[in-house]
Amino acid sequence: MPFSPGRLIVHRNVRRGRIGWVRPARVVSDDERGLLLWVARGTPVASEVTDDGKSMREVPFAEFVTRSYRLLPGTWAGPPVLMFLPVGAPHSVWWFRDDADRFANWYVNLEEPGVRWDDGAVAGVDMVDQDLDVVAWPGGTWEWKDEEEFAERLGFPEHYWVADEAAVRAEGQRVIKLIEAGEFPFDGTWTDFVPDPAWATPAALPAGWDRPPAI
């Protein structure tokens, strides 16, 4: 089910059957390597918050799992980002930019492989973010990110969506070897990417963005 270049889809994180966050993105390409997406500055998004409006990072996980939730609309506050979802891989790679829109670093998001869906008027990819990440820079340097949050949440297996800590860390180590060796996609590919000027930043989340998760 390839997506056509230029199509606006929604990239969603799912937590035990609940939508954790939603980010509309333009399809750059969709081929045998994987799906390449572009999230523009100022894109409308939605994120899960507690009943009193706090994000998962603003309260201890032990408290977060006892609360009720809602999806809060907002705006992508970060710089524009290019995201690559390799076919069948339990991770994605993001190209972050600085304030001058120049490539700054890679961000490896460890996640379950995405599941696609297409309802015609709206389509998307649903995945399960596994929280532990790797940040990498040109030259092969890298560091783990969110290790404390990952460890905290593993202490609540009845609520957490990550079942196999070792598998998540093993995938991170596999990608780290690519980073250190400067192999694709950490070889300079797409660091000079320029989005199609015809791609307008969406004014609102597309209708159907909150349809039931595919996973």
N, C-alpha and C. Protein backbone atom coordinates (compact mmCIF):
# COMPACT_ATOMS: atom_id res chain seq x y z
N MET A 1 0.84 -1.19 0.00
CA MET A 1 0.00 0.00 0.00
C MET A 1 0.88 1.24 0.00
N PRO A 2 1.57 1.51 -1.09
CA PRO A 2 2.44 2.69 -1.11
C PRO A 2 1.63 3.99 -1.09
N PHE A 3 2.20 5.00 -0.43
CA PHE A 3 1.58 6.32 -0.40
C PHE A 3 2.21 7.18 -1.48
N SER A 4 1.41 7.99 -2.13
CA SER A 4 1.89 8.84 -3.21
C SER A 4 2.68 10.02 -2.65
N PRO A 5 3.81 10.38 -3.32
CA PRO A 5 4.56 11.55 -2.88
C PRO A 5 3.67 12.79 -2.84
N GLY A 6 3.84 13.58 -1.79
CA GLY A 6 3.06 14.78 -1.61
C GLY A 6 1.79 14.60 -0.82
N ARG A 7 1.38 13.34 -0.63
CA ARG A 7 0.14 13.10 0.12
C ARG A 7 0.34 13.44 1.60
N LEU A 8 -0.68 14.03 2.20
CA LEU A 8 -0.65 14.32 3.62
C LEU A 8 -1.24 13.13 4.37
N ILE A 9 -0.45 12.52 5.26
CA ILE A 9 -0.93 11.41 6.08
C ILE A 9 -0.71 11.77 7.54
N VAL A 10 -1.16 10.90 8.45
CA VAL A 10 -0.92 11.16 9.86
C VAL A 10 -0.03 10.05 10.44
N HIS A 11 0.98 10.47 11.15
CA HIS A 11 1.90 9.57 11.84
C HIS A 11 1.48 9.56 13.30
N ARG A 12 1.11 8.35 13.81
CA ARG A 12 0.51 8.29 15.16
C ARG A 12 1.24 7.28 16.05
N ASN A 13 1.40 7.67 17.31
CA ASN A 13 1.93 6.78 18.32
C ASN A 13 0.75 6.20 19.10
N VAL A 14 0.77 4.87 19.29
CA VAL A 14 -0.33 4.19 19.97
C VAL A 14 0.20 3.53 21.24
N ARG A 15 -0.51 3.72 22.34
CA ARG A 15 -0.13 3.15 23.64
C ARG A 15 -1.26 2.26 24.15
N ARG A 16 -1.07 0.96 24.04
CA ARG A 16 -2.08 0.00 24.53
C ARG A 16 -3.47 0.34 24.01
N GLY A 17 -3.55 0.59 22.71
CA GLY A 17 -4.83 0.85 22.08
C GLY A 17 -5.29 2.29 22.13
N ARG A 18 -4.52 3.19 22.80
CA ARG A 18 -4.86 4.61 22.87
C ARG A 18 -3.89 5.39 21.99
N ILE A 19 -4.38 6.43 21.38
CA ILE A 19 -3.52 7.32 20.60
C ILE A 19 -2.73 8.19 21.56
N GLY A 20 -1.39 8.14 21.43
CA GLY A 20 -0.53 8.93 22.29
C GLY A 20 -0.20 10.29 21.72
N TRP A 21 0.08 10.34 20.43
CA TRP A 21 0.25 11.61 19.74
C TRP A 21 0.03 11.43 18.24
N VAL A 22 -0.25 12.54 17.56
CA VAL A 22 -0.56 12.55 16.13
C VAL A 22 0.20 13.69 15.48
N ARG A 23 0.85 13.38 14.34
CA ARG A 23 1.59 14.41 13.60
C ARG A 23 1.33 14.26 12.11
N PRO A 24 0.60 15.17 11.49
CA PRO A 24 0.45 15.12 10.03
C PRO A 24 1.80 15.31 9.35
N ALA A 25 2.00 14.60 8.25
CA ALA A 25 3.29 14.66 7.55
C ALA A 25 3.07 14.47 6.06
N ARG A 26 3.92 15.09 5.27
CA ARG A 26 3.90 14.91 3.82
C ARG A 26 4.76 13.71 3.44
N VAL A 27 4.27 12.93 2.50
CA VAL A 27 5.05 11.81 1.98
C VAL A 27 6.08 12.35 0.99
N VAL A 28 7.36 12.13 1.29
CA VAL A 28 8.44 12.51 0.38
C VAL A 28 8.65 11.40 -0.63
N SER A 29 8.77 10.17 -0.15
CA SER A 29 8.92 9.00 -1.02
C SER A 29 8.46 7.77 -0.25
N ASP A 30 8.14 6.74 -0.99
CA ASP A 30 7.69 5.48 -0.39
C ASP A 30 8.12 4.38 -1.34
N ASP A 31 9.23 3.70 -0.99
CA ASP A 31 9.79 2.72 -1.92
C ASP A 31 10.34 1.52 -1.16
N GLU A 32 11.21 0.75 -1.81
CA GLU A 32 11.71 -0.48 -1.21
C GLU A 32 12.57 -0.22 0.03
N ARG A 33 13.09 0.99 0.19
CA ARG A 33 13.88 1.30 1.38
C ARG A 33 12.99 1.62 2.58
N GLY A 34 11.87 2.28 2.32
CA GLY A 34 10.99 2.66 3.40
C GLY A 34 10.19 3.90 3.07
N LEU A 35 9.55 4.44 4.08
CA LEU A 35 8.69 5.61 3.94
C LEU A 35 9.40 6.83 4.50
N LEU A 36 9.49 7.88 3.69
CA LEU A 36 10.15 9.12 4.07
C LEU A 36 9.09 10.20 4.19
N LEU A 37 9.05 10.87 5.36
CA LEU A 37 8.01 11.85 5.68
C LEU A 37 8.63 13.19 6.06
N TRP A 38 7.85 14.24 5.87
CA TRP A 38 8.28 15.59 6.21
C TRP A 38 7.23 16.26 7.10
N VAL A 39 7.66 16.74 8.25
CA VAL A 39 6.79 17.48 9.16
C VAL A 39 7.25 18.93 9.15
N ALA A 40 6.39 19.82 8.69
CA ALA A 40 6.75 21.23 8.56
C ALA A 40 6.63 21.97 9.88
N ARG A 41 7.35 23.03 9.99
CA ARG A 41 7.24 23.90 11.16
C ARG A 41 5.80 24.43 11.25
N GLY A 42 5.23 24.43 12.45
CA GLY A 42 3.90 24.96 12.63
C GLY A 42 2.77 24.00 12.30
N THR A 43 3.10 22.72 12.06
CA THR A 43 2.08 21.73 11.75
C THR A 43 1.15 21.52 12.94
N PRO A 44 -0.17 21.46 12.73
CA PRO A 44 -1.08 21.16 13.84
C PRO A 44 -0.91 19.71 14.27
N VAL A 45 -0.87 19.47 15.56
CA VAL A 45 -0.66 18.13 16.11
C VAL A 45 -1.64 17.91 17.26
N ALA A 46 -1.60 16.72 17.83
CA ALA A 46 -2.37 16.43 19.04
C ALA A 46 -1.55 15.49 19.90
N SER A 47 -1.65 15.65 21.21
CA SER A 47 -0.89 14.81 22.14
C SER A 47 -1.78 14.44 23.32
N GLU A 48 -1.55 13.24 23.86
CA GLU A 48 -2.31 12.77 25.00
C GLU A 48 -1.86 13.49 26.27
N VAL A 49 -2.84 13.96 27.04
CA VAL A 49 -2.57 14.60 28.32
C VAL A 49 -3.53 14.02 29.36
N THR A 50 -3.22 14.24 30.61
CA THR A 50 -4.11 13.80 31.68
C THR A 50 -5.34 14.69 31.73
N ASP A 51 -6.29 14.31 32.57
CA ASP A 51 -7.53 15.07 32.67
C ASP A 51 -7.30 16.53 33.04
N ASP A 52 -6.18 16.83 33.72
CA ASP A 52 -5.89 18.22 34.08
C ASP A 52 -4.84 18.85 33.18
N GLY A 53 -4.59 18.22 32.02
CA GLY A 53 -3.76 18.85 30.99
C GLY A 53 -2.27 18.62 31.08
N LYS A 54 -1.82 17.64 31.87
CA LYS A 54 -0.39 17.38 32.00
C LYS A 54 0.05 16.27 31.05
N SER A 55 1.24 16.44 30.46
CA SER A 55 1.79 15.41 29.58
C SER A 55 2.40 14.29 30.40
N MET A 56 2.72 13.19 29.73
CA MET A 56 3.28 12.04 30.43
C MET A 56 4.62 12.38 31.08
N ARG A 57 5.34 13.35 30.54
CA ARG A 57 6.63 13.72 31.10
C ARG A 57 6.51 14.67 32.30
N GLU A 58 5.31 15.17 32.53
CA GLU A 58 5.14 16.14 33.60
C GLU A 58 4.69 15.51 34.92
N VAL A 59 4.38 14.22 34.89
CA VAL A 59 3.97 13.53 36.11
C VAL A 59 4.69 12.19 36.18
N PRO A 60 4.93 11.66 37.38
CA PRO A 60 5.52 10.33 37.48
C PRO A 60 4.65 9.31 36.76
N PHE A 61 5.28 8.30 36.17
CA PHE A 61 4.52 7.30 35.43
C PHE A 61 3.52 6.58 36.33
N ALA A 62 3.89 6.38 37.59
CA ALA A 62 2.98 5.73 38.54
C ALA A 62 1.69 6.51 38.70
N GLU A 63 1.77 7.82 38.57
CA GLU A 63 0.57 8.66 38.65
C GLU A 63 -0.14 8.71 37.31
N PHE A 64 0.64 8.80 36.24
CA PHE A 64 0.06 8.95 34.90
C PHE A 64 -0.90 7.80 34.58
N VAL A 65 -0.51 6.57 34.96
CA VAL A 65 -1.33 5.41 34.60
C VAL A 65 -2.64 5.33 35.38
N THR A 66 -2.78 6.16 36.41
CA THR A 66 -4.02 6.14 37.20
C THR A 66 -5.01 7.21 36.74
N ARG A 67 -4.61 8.06 35.82
CA ARG A 67 -5.43 9.19 35.42
C ARG A 67 -6.28 8.87 34.19
N SER A 68 -7.25 9.73 33.92
CA SER A 68 -7.98 9.66 32.67
C SER A 68 -7.29 10.58 31.67
N TYR A 69 -7.59 10.41 30.38
CA TYR A 69 -6.80 11.08 29.34
C TYR A 69 -7.71 11.76 28.31
N ARG A 70 -7.08 12.69 27.61
CA ARG A 70 -7.72 13.29 26.44
C ARG A 70 -6.62 13.71 25.47
N LEU A 71 -6.98 13.92 24.22
CA LEU A 71 -6.03 14.37 23.22
C LEU A 71 -6.15 15.88 23.08
N LEU A 72 -5.04 16.56 23.30
CA LEU A 72 -5.01 18.02 23.29
C LEU A 72 -4.41 18.52 21.98
N PRO A 73 -5.16 19.24 21.16
CA PRO A 73 -4.60 19.82 19.93
C PRO A 73 -3.52 20.85 20.25
N GLY A 74 -2.55 20.94 19.38
CA GLY A 74 -1.47 21.90 19.55
C GLY A 74 -0.78 22.16 18.23
N THR A 75 0.44 22.65 18.31
CA THR A 75 1.24 22.97 17.12
C THR A 75 2.63 22.40 17.29
N TRP A 76 3.18 21.84 16.21
CA TRP A 76 4.54 21.32 16.24
C TRP A 76 5.50 22.46 16.55
N ALA A 77 6.08 22.43 17.74
CA ALA A 77 6.90 23.54 18.21
C ALA A 77 8.35 23.40 17.79
N GLY A 78 8.74 22.22 17.37
CA GLY A 78 10.14 22.01 17.01
C GLY A 78 10.45 22.48 15.61
N PRO A 79 11.70 22.32 15.18
CA PRO A 79 12.08 22.67 13.82
C PRO A 79 11.49 21.67 12.84
N PRO A 80 11.49 21.98 11.55
CA PRO A 80 11.04 21.00 10.57
C PRO A 80 11.84 19.71 10.71
N VAL A 81 11.20 18.57 10.46
CA VAL A 81 11.89 17.30 10.64
C VAL A 81 11.55 16.34 9.51
N LEU A 82 12.57 15.64 9.04
CA LEU A 82 12.43 14.58 8.05
C LEU A 82 12.47 13.27 8.80
N MET A 83 11.52 12.37 8.52
CA MET A 83 11.45 11.10 9.24
C MET A 83 11.49 9.94 8.24
N PHE A 84 12.34 8.95 8.52
CA PHE A 84 12.48 7.78 7.67
C PHE A 84 12.08 6.53 8.44
N LEU A 85 11.11 5.79 7.90
CA LEU A 85 10.64 4.55 8.51
C LEU A 85 11.10 3.40 7.63
N PRO A 86 12.24 2.76 7.93
CA PRO A 86 12.74 1.67 7.09
C PRO A 86 11.73 0.51 7.09
N VAL A 87 11.64 -0.16 5.96
CA VAL A 87 10.68 -1.26 5.83
C VAL A 87 10.94 -2.33 6.89
N GLY A 88 9.92 -2.62 7.70
CA GLY A 88 9.99 -3.70 8.67
C GLY A 88 10.90 -3.50 9.86
N ALA A 89 11.52 -2.33 9.98
CA ALA A 89 12.50 -2.11 11.05
C ALA A 89 11.83 -1.58 12.32
N PRO A 90 12.28 -2.00 13.51
CA PRO A 90 11.72 -1.49 14.76
C PRO A 90 12.38 -0.18 15.19
N HIS A 91 12.50 0.74 14.27
CA HIS A 91 13.00 2.08 14.58
C HIS A 91 12.67 3.01 13.43
N SER A 92 12.74 4.29 13.67
CA SER A 92 12.72 5.28 12.61
C SER A 92 13.88 6.24 12.85
N VAL A 93 14.27 6.97 11.81
CA VAL A 93 15.37 7.93 11.90
C VAL A 93 14.84 9.29 11.51
N TRP A 94 15.11 10.28 12.35
CA TRP A 94 14.65 11.64 12.12
C TRP A 94 15.85 12.55 11.88
N TRP A 95 15.71 13.46 10.92
CA TRP A 95 16.73 14.46 10.62
C TRP A 95 16.26 15.77 11.23
N PHE A 96 16.93 16.21 12.30
CA PHE A 96 16.56 17.47 12.94
C PHE A 96 17.38 18.62 12.35
N ARG A 97 16.80 19.82 12.39
CA ARG A 97 17.43 21.01 11.85
C ARG A 97 17.60 22.07 12.92
N ASP A 98 18.51 23.00 12.66
CA ASP A 98 18.70 24.10 13.60
C ASP A 98 17.75 25.24 13.25
N ASP A 99 17.88 26.35 13.94
CA ASP A 99 16.97 27.47 13.72
C ASP A 99 17.11 28.08 12.33
N ALA A 100 18.24 27.81 11.67
CA ALA A 100 18.45 28.32 10.32
C ALA A 100 18.05 27.28 9.27
N ASP A 101 17.36 26.21 9.70
CA ASP A 101 16.90 25.13 8.81
C ASP A 101 18.04 24.35 8.18
N ARG A 102 19.18 24.28 8.86
CA ARG A 102 20.30 23.46 8.41
C ARG A 102 20.32 22.16 9.21
N PHE A 103 20.77 21.09 8.59
CA PHE A 103 20.82 19.81 9.29
C PHE A 103 21.66 19.94 10.56
N ALA A 104 21.14 19.37 11.65
CA ALA A 104 21.85 19.43 12.93
C ALA A 104 22.26 18.05 13.43
N ASN A 105 21.32 17.12 13.47
CA ASN A 105 21.63 15.80 14.03
C ASN A 105 20.54 14.80 13.65
N TRP A 106 20.84 13.52 13.89
CA TRP A 106 19.85 12.46 13.70
C TRP A 106 19.27 12.08 15.06
N TYR A 107 18.06 11.57 15.01
CA TYR A 107 17.38 11.09 16.20
C TYR A 107 16.80 9.72 15.83
N VAL A 108 17.25 8.69 16.52
CA VAL A 108 16.77 7.34 16.25
C VAL A 108 15.66 7.03 17.25
N ASN A 109 14.46 6.90 16.76
CA ASN A 109 13.30 6.61 17.59
C ASN A 109 13.06 5.10 17.57
N LEU A 110 13.31 4.44 18.70
CA LEU A 110 13.09 3.00 18.78
C LEU A 110 11.59 2.76 18.94
N GLU A 111 11.03 1.93 18.08
CA GLU A 111 9.58 1.76 18.01
C GLU A 111 9.24 0.45 17.32
N GLU A 112 8.03 -0.03 17.57
CA GLU A 112 7.58 -1.20 16.82
C GLU A 112 7.33 -0.79 15.37
N PRO A 113 7.56 -1.70 14.41
CA PRO A 113 7.33 -1.35 13.00
C PRO A 113 5.93 -0.81 12.80
N GLY A 114 5.82 0.22 11.96
CA GLY A 114 4.54 0.87 11.73
C GLY A 114 3.54 0.01 10.97
N VAL A 115 2.28 0.24 11.26
CA VAL A 115 1.18 -0.42 10.57
C VAL A 115 0.41 0.64 9.78
N ARG A 116 0.29 0.43 8.49
CA ARG A 116 -0.36 1.42 7.64
C ARG A 116 -1.87 1.21 7.59
N TRP A 117 -2.57 2.29 7.33
CA TRP A 117 -4.01 2.22 7.06
C TRP A 117 -4.36 3.33 6.09
N ASP A 118 -5.43 3.11 5.35
CA ASP A 118 -5.84 4.08 4.33
C ASP A 118 -7.37 4.06 4.23
N ASP A 119 -8.00 5.14 4.69
CA ASP A 119 -9.45 5.24 4.64
C ASP A 119 -9.92 6.05 3.44
N GLY A 120 -9.01 6.34 2.53
CA GLY A 120 -9.37 7.10 1.34
C GLY A 120 -9.11 8.58 1.53
N ALA A 121 -9.98 9.25 2.29
CA ALA A 121 -9.81 10.68 2.52
C ALA A 121 -8.66 10.97 3.46
N VAL A 122 -8.36 10.01 4.33
CA VAL A 122 -7.25 10.17 5.28
C VAL A 122 -6.54 8.83 5.41
N ALA A 123 -5.24 8.88 5.59
CA ALA A 123 -4.42 7.67 5.73
C ALA A 123 -3.33 7.94 6.75
N GLY A 124 -2.66 6.87 7.17
CA GLY A 124 -1.61 7.08 8.14
C GLY A 124 -0.82 5.85 8.46
N VAL A 125 0.10 6.02 9.42
CA VAL A 125 0.92 4.94 9.93
C VAL A 125 0.83 4.99 11.45
N ASP A 126 0.49 3.86 12.06
CA ASP A 126 0.43 3.75 13.51
C ASP A 126 1.61 2.92 14.00
N MET A 127 2.25 3.36 15.06
CA MET A 127 3.38 2.62 15.63
C MET A 127 3.33 2.73 17.14
N VAL A 128 4.14 1.93 17.82
CA VAL A 128 4.26 1.98 19.27
C VAL A 128 5.66 2.50 19.61
N ASP A 129 5.73 3.71 20.13
CA ASP A 129 7.00 4.31 20.52
C ASP A 129 7.52 3.58 21.76
N GLN A 130 8.76 3.09 21.68
CA GLN A 130 9.33 2.33 22.79
C GLN A 130 10.16 3.19 23.74
N ASP A 131 10.09 4.49 23.55
CA ASP A 131 10.61 5.51 24.48
C ASP A 131 12.13 5.69 24.50
N LEU A 132 12.89 4.60 24.54
CA LEU A 132 14.35 4.73 24.53
C LEU A 132 14.79 5.17 23.13
N ASP A 133 15.71 6.14 23.07
CA ASP A 133 16.13 6.70 21.78
C ASP A 133 17.65 6.84 21.73
N VAL A 134 18.15 7.14 20.54
CA VAL A 134 19.57 7.41 20.33
C VAL A 134 19.69 8.71 19.55
N VAL A 135 20.50 9.63 20.03
CA VAL A 135 20.81 10.86 19.31
C VAL A 135 22.19 10.71 18.70
N ALA A 136 22.34 11.09 17.43
CA ALA A 136 23.62 10.92 16.72
C ALA A 136 23.98 12.19 15.96
N TRP A 137 25.30 12.38 15.81
CA TRP A 137 25.83 13.55 15.10
C TRP A 137 26.80 13.10 14.01
N PRO A 138 27.03 13.96 13.03
CA PRO A 138 28.03 13.63 12.00
C PRO A 138 29.37 13.31 12.65
N GLY A 139 30.05 12.32 12.09
CA GLY A 139 31.32 11.89 12.64
C GLY A 139 31.23 10.63 13.46
N GLY A 140 29.99 10.14 13.67
CA GLY A 140 29.82 8.86 14.36
C GLY A 140 29.63 8.93 15.86
N THR A 141 29.48 10.15 16.40
CA THR A 141 29.23 10.25 17.85
C THR A 141 27.74 10.07 18.12
N TRP A 142 27.42 9.59 19.32
CA TRP A 142 26.03 9.30 19.66
C TRP A 142 25.86 9.23 21.17
N GLU A 143 24.62 9.24 21.63
CA GLU A 143 24.32 9.00 23.04
C GLU A 143 22.89 8.49 23.17
N TRP A 144 22.66 7.71 24.22
CA TRP A 144 21.30 7.26 24.52
C TRP A 144 20.49 8.44 25.03
N LYS A 145 19.19 8.38 24.80
CA LYS A 145 18.29 9.43 25.30
C LYS A 145 17.10 8.77 26.00
N ASP A 146 16.64 9.39 27.07
CA ASP A 146 15.45 8.97 27.83
C ASP A 146 15.63 7.63 28.53
N GLU A 147 16.86 7.32 28.93
CA GLU A 147 17.09 6.06 29.65
C GLU A 147 16.36 6.03 31.00
N GLU A 148 16.31 7.15 31.70
CA GLU A 148 15.65 7.17 33.01
C GLU A 148 14.15 6.93 32.87
N GLU A 149 13.53 7.56 31.88
CA GLU A 149 12.10 7.35 31.66
C GLU A 149 11.82 5.90 31.29
N PHE A 150 12.65 5.34 30.43
CA PHE A 150 12.50 3.96 30.00
C PHE A 150 12.57 3.02 31.21
N ALA A 151 13.57 3.23 32.06
CA ALA A 151 13.73 2.38 33.24
C ALA A 151 12.56 2.53 34.20
N GLU A 152 12.09 3.75 34.39
CA GLU A 152 10.96 3.99 35.29
C GLU A 152 9.72 3.24 34.81
N ARG A 153 9.43 3.33 33.53
CA ARG A 153 8.20 2.73 32.99
C ARG A 153 8.26 1.21 32.95
N LEU A 154 9.46 0.66 32.80
CA LEU A 154 9.60 -0.80 32.83
C LEU A 154 9.19 -1.38 34.18
N GLY A 155 9.17 -0.56 35.21
CA GLY A 155 8.78 -1.01 36.53
C GLY A 155 7.28 -1.19 36.69
N PHE A 156 6.51 -0.91 35.62
CA PHE A 156 5.05 -1.04 35.66
C PHE A 156 4.58 -1.89 34.47
N PRO A 157 4.98 -3.17 34.44
CA PRO A 157 4.67 -4.01 33.28
C PRO A 157 3.19 -4.18 33.00
N GLU A 158 2.35 -4.02 34.02
CA GLU A 158 0.92 -4.16 33.81
C GLU A 158 0.32 -2.97 33.05
N HIS A 159 1.09 -1.87 32.96
CA HIS A 159 0.62 -0.68 32.25
C HIS A 159 1.49 -0.30 31.05
N TYR A 160 2.74 -0.72 31.07
CA TYR A 160 3.68 -0.26 30.04
C TYR A 160 3.49 -1.04 28.74
N TRP A 161 3.79 -0.38 27.63
CA TRP A 161 3.58 -0.96 26.31
C TRP A 161 4.84 -1.63 25.75
N VAL A 162 5.95 -1.58 26.48
CA VAL A 162 7.18 -2.26 26.08
C VAL A 162 7.29 -3.56 26.88
N ALA A 163 7.31 -4.68 26.17
CA ALA A 163 7.36 -5.98 26.84
C ALA A 163 8.76 -6.58 26.91
N ASP A 164 9.66 -6.16 26.01
CA ASP A 164 10.97 -6.80 25.90
C ASP A 164 12.07 -5.74 25.89
N GLU A 165 12.57 -5.41 27.07
CA GLU A 165 13.63 -4.41 27.19
C GLU A 165 14.86 -4.79 26.38
N ALA A 166 15.25 -6.05 26.44
CA ALA A 166 16.47 -6.50 25.75
C ALA A 166 16.36 -6.30 24.25
N ALA A 167 15.19 -6.57 23.69
CA ALA A 167 15.02 -6.40 22.24
C ALA A 167 15.14 -4.94 21.83
N VAL A 168 14.61 -4.05 22.65
CA VAL A 168 14.70 -2.62 22.35
C VAL A 168 16.16 -2.17 22.38
N ARG A 169 16.90 -2.57 23.41
CA ARG A 169 18.31 -2.18 23.51
C ARG A 169 19.14 -2.82 22.40
N ALA A 170 18.81 -4.05 22.01
CA ALA A 170 19.55 -4.72 20.94
C ALA A 170 19.36 -3.98 19.62
N GLU A 171 18.15 -3.49 19.36
CA GLU A 171 17.93 -2.73 18.13
C GLU A 171 18.70 -1.42 18.18
N GLY A 172 18.71 -0.78 19.35
CA GLY A 172 19.51 0.43 19.48
C GLY A 172 20.97 0.18 19.20
N GLN A 173 21.53 -0.90 19.72
CA GLN A 173 22.93 -1.24 19.48
C GLN A 173 23.20 -1.53 18.01
N ARG A 174 22.22 -2.17 17.35
CA ARG A 174 22.39 -2.47 15.93
C ARG A 174 22.49 -1.18 15.11
N VAL A 175 21.63 -0.21 15.45
CA VAL A 175 21.65 1.06 14.73
C VAL A 175 22.91 1.86 15.08
N ILE A 176 23.37 1.77 16.32
CA ILE A 176 24.59 2.47 16.73
C ILE A 176 25.78 2.03 15.89
N LYS A 177 25.83 0.77 15.53
CA LYS A 177 26.92 0.29 14.67
C LYS A 177 26.88 0.98 13.31
N LEU A 178 25.68 1.22 12.79
CA LEU A 178 25.55 1.95 11.52
C LEU A 178 26.01 3.39 11.69
N ILE A 179 25.65 3.99 12.82
CA ILE A 179 26.06 5.37 13.09
C ILE A 179 27.59 5.47 13.12
N GLU A 180 28.21 4.59 13.87
CA GLU A 180 29.67 4.65 14.02
C GLU A 180 30.40 4.38 12.71
N ALA A 181 29.79 3.56 11.86
CA ALA A 181 30.41 3.24 10.57
C ALA A 181 30.06 4.25 9.48
N GLY A 182 29.14 5.17 9.77
CA GLY A 182 28.72 6.15 8.76
C GLY A 182 27.98 5.52 7.61
N GLU A 183 27.25 4.44 7.90
CA GLU A 183 26.49 3.75 6.86
C GLU A 183 25.08 4.32 6.75
N PHE A 184 24.44 4.08 5.60
CA PHE A 184 23.08 4.57 5.37
C PHE A 184 22.18 4.18 6.53
N PRO A 185 21.36 5.09 7.00
CA PRO A 185 21.12 6.44 6.47
C PRO A 185 21.96 7.54 7.13
N PHE A 186 23.04 7.13 7.79
CA PHE A 186 23.89 8.09 8.51
C PHE A 186 25.13 8.46 7.70
N ASP A 187 24.99 8.46 6.39
CA ASP A 187 26.10 8.72 5.48
C ASP A 187 25.97 10.06 4.76
N GLY A 188 25.12 10.92 5.26
CA GLY A 188 24.89 12.21 4.62
C GLY A 188 23.66 12.24 3.74
N THR A 189 23.04 11.09 3.52
CA THR A 189 21.83 11.04 2.71
C THR A 189 20.75 11.94 3.32
N TRP A 190 20.16 12.77 2.46
CA TRP A 190 19.03 13.64 2.82
C TRP A 190 19.38 14.75 3.80
N THR A 191 20.64 14.96 4.12
CA THR A 191 20.97 16.06 5.03
C THR A 191 20.75 17.42 4.36
N ASP A 192 20.70 17.43 3.02
CA ASP A 192 20.46 18.68 2.29
C ASP A 192 19.06 18.72 1.71
N PHE A 193 18.16 17.94 2.26
CA PHE A 193 16.79 17.86 1.74
C PHE A 193 16.10 19.22 1.78
N VAL A 194 15.38 19.51 0.70
CA VAL A 194 14.57 20.73 0.61
C VAL A 194 13.15 20.31 0.25
N PRO A 195 12.16 20.67 1.05
CA PRO A 195 10.79 20.26 0.75
C PRO A 195 10.24 20.96 -0.48
N ASP A 196 9.28 20.35 -1.11
CA ASP A 196 8.60 20.94 -2.26
C ASP A 196 7.91 22.22 -1.81
N PRO A 197 8.20 23.35 -2.45
CA PRO A 197 7.57 24.61 -2.03
C PRO A 197 6.06 24.61 -2.18
N ALA A 198 5.52 23.67 -2.95
CA ALA A 198 4.07 23.59 -3.13
C ALA A 198 3.37 22.93 -1.95
N TRP A 199 4.16 22.34 -1.03
CA TRP A 199 3.55 21.68 0.12
C TRP A 199 3.16 22.71 1.18
N ALA A 200 1.89 23.02 1.22
CA ALA A 200 1.40 23.96 2.22
C ALA A 200 1.34 23.29 3.58
N THR A 201 1.69 24.01 4.62
CA THR A 201 1.53 23.50 5.97
C THR A 201 0.04 23.37 6.26
N PRO A 202 -0.42 22.20 6.71
CA PRO A 202 -1.86 22.05 6.95
C PRO A 202 -2.36 23.04 7.99
N ALA A 203 -3.60 23.51 7.78
CA ALA A 203 -4.17 24.49 8.71
C ALA A 203 -4.79 23.82 9.92
N ALA A 204 -5.13 22.53 9.79
CA ALA A 204 -5.77 21.81 10.88
C ALA A 204 -5.51 20.32 10.70
N LEU A 205 -5.73 19.56 11.75
CA LEU A 205 -5.64 18.11 11.64
C LEU A 205 -6.69 17.63 10.65
N PRO A 206 -6.33 16.71 9.75
CA PRO A 206 -7.31 16.25 8.75
C PRO A 206 -8.45 15.49 9.39
N ALA A 207 -9.63 15.60 8.82
CA ALA A 207 -10.79 14.86 9.32
C ALA A 207 -10.47 13.37 9.31
N GLY A 208 -10.79 12.69 10.42
CA GLY A 208 -10.50 11.27 10.53
C GLY A 208 -9.18 10.96 11.19
N TRP A 209 -8.48 11.98 11.65
CA TRP A 209 -7.16 11.77 12.26
C TRP A 209 -7.25 10.92 13.53
N ASP A 210 -8.41 10.92 14.19
CA ASP A 210 -8.57 10.22 15.45
C ASP A 210 -9.30 8.89 15.31
N ARG A 211 -9.34 8.34 14.10
CA ARG A 211 -9.99 7.05 13.91
C ARG A 211 -9.32 6.00 14.79
N PRO A 212 -10.00 4.87 15.11
CA PRO A 212 -9.40 3.86 15.98
C PRO A 212 -8.04 3.38 15.47
N PRO A 213 -7.11 3.13 16.37
CA PRO A 213 -5.77 2.66 15.95
C PRO A 213 -5.84 1.37 15.14
N ALA A 214 -4.85 1.21 14.25
CA ALA A 214 -4.74 -0.01 13.44
C ALA A 214 -4.00 -1.10 14.16
N ILE A 215 -3.44 -0.79 15.33
CA ILE A 215 -2.69 -1.78 16.11
C ILE A 215 -3.19 -1.78 17.54
